[in-house]
Amino acid sequence: EYNKRLRNSHNGASIVSGYTYVDHVSWDAYNESSDLGMQLELYK
């Protein structure tokens, strides 16, 4: 059960100045391009 959940997770992360930020964690189906706008705003 644990391995099945781990394989189906969707994660979005970014690295800024050597720090890693987790922007998105979900076990639901989603389109990664929908997070692009949010990640660009967070980068500014």
C-alpha atoms as a PDB file:
ATOM      1  CA  GLU A   1       0.000   0.000   0.000  1.00  0.00           C
ATOM      2  CA  TYR A   2       2.754   2.482   0.921  1.00  0.00           C
ATOM      3  CA  ASN A   3       4.693   1.847  -2.302  1.00  0.00           C
ATOM      4  CA  LYS A   4       1.544   2.265  -4.382  1.00  0.00           C
ATOM      5  CA  ARG A   5       0.836   5.672  -2.800  1.00  0.00           C
ATOM      6  CA  LEU A   6       4.444   6.749  -3.186  1.00  0.00           C
ATOM      7  CA  ARG A   7       4.490   5.867  -6.877  1.00  0.00           C
ATOM      8  CA  ASN A   8       1.278   7.804  -7.531  1.00  0.00           C
ATOM      9  CA  SER A   9       2.328  11.025  -5.840  1.00  0.00           C
ATOM     10  CA  HIS A  10       2.856  14.156  -7.925  1.00  0.00           C
ATOM     11  CA  ASN A  11       5.407  16.618  -6.629  1.00  0.00           C
ATOM     12  CA  GLY A  12       6.581  19.990  -7.824  1.00  0.00           C
ATOM     13  CA  ALA A  13       9.755  21.515  -6.433  1.00  0.00           C
ATOM     14  CA  SER A  14      12.109  24.355  -7.264  1.00  0.00           C
ATOM     15  CA  ILE A  15      15.652  25.230  -6.231  1.00  0.00           C
ATOM     16  CA  VAL A  16      16.495  28.871  -5.470  1.00  0.00           C
ATOM     17  CA  SER A  17      19.905  29.920  -4.163  1.00  0.00           C
ATOM     18  CA  GLY A  18      20.655  26.371  -3.072  1.00  0.00           C
ATOM     19  CA  TYR A  19      17.373  25.939  -1.162  1.00  0.00           C
ATOM     20  CA  THR A  20      14.743  23.455  -2.307  1.00  0.00           C
ATOM     21  CA  TYR A  21      11.096  24.506  -2.067  1.00  0.00           C
ATOM     22  CA  VAL A  22       8.236  22.040  -2.436  1.00  0.00           C
ATOM     23  CA  ASP A  23       5.538  23.859  -4.393  1.00  0.00           C
ATOM     24  CA  HIS A  24       3.059  21.045  -4.885  1.00  0.00           C
ATOM     25  CA  VAL A  25       2.367  17.644  -3.330  1.00  0.00           C
ATOM     26  CA  SER A  26      -0.681  15.690  -4.417  1.00  0.00           C
ATOM     27  CA  TRP A  27      -1.912  12.168  -4.954  1.00  0.00           C
ATOM     28  CA  ASP A  28      -4.616  13.353  -7.371  1.00  0.00           C
ATOM     29  CA  ALA A  29      -4.182  13.517 -11.124  1.00  0.00           C
ATOM     30  CA  TYR A  30      -3.149  16.991 -12.269  1.00  0.00           C
ATOM     31  CA  ASN A  31      -1.494  18.709 -15.193  1.00  0.00           C
ATOM     32  CA  GLU A  32       1.993  19.935 -14.289  1.00  0.00           C
ATOM     33  CA  SER A  33       1.694  22.909 -16.652  1.00  0.00           C
ATOM     34  CA  SER A  34      -1.133  24.290 -14.499  1.00  0.00           C
ATOM     35  CA  ASP A  35       1.448  24.930 -11.750  1.00  0.00           C
ATOM     36  CA  LEU A  36       3.789  26.866 -14.033  1.00  0.00           C
ATOM     37  CA  GLY A  37       2.074  30.232 -13.483  1.00  0.00           C
ATOM     38  CA  MET A  38       2.157  29.828  -9.705  1.00  0.00           C
ATOM     39  CA  GLN A  39       5.816  28.810  -9.754  1.00  0.00           C
ATOM     40  CA  LEU A  40       6.723  31.826 -11.898  1.00  0.00           C
ATOM     41  CA  GLU A  41       4.948  34.170  -9.488  1.00  0.00           C
ATOM     42  CA  LEU A  42       6.738  32.610  -6.512  1.00  0.00           C
ATOM     43  CA  TYR A  43      10.078  33.010  -8.304  1.00  0.00           C
ATOM     44  CA  LYS A  44       9.653  36.796  -8.793  1.00  0.00           C
END
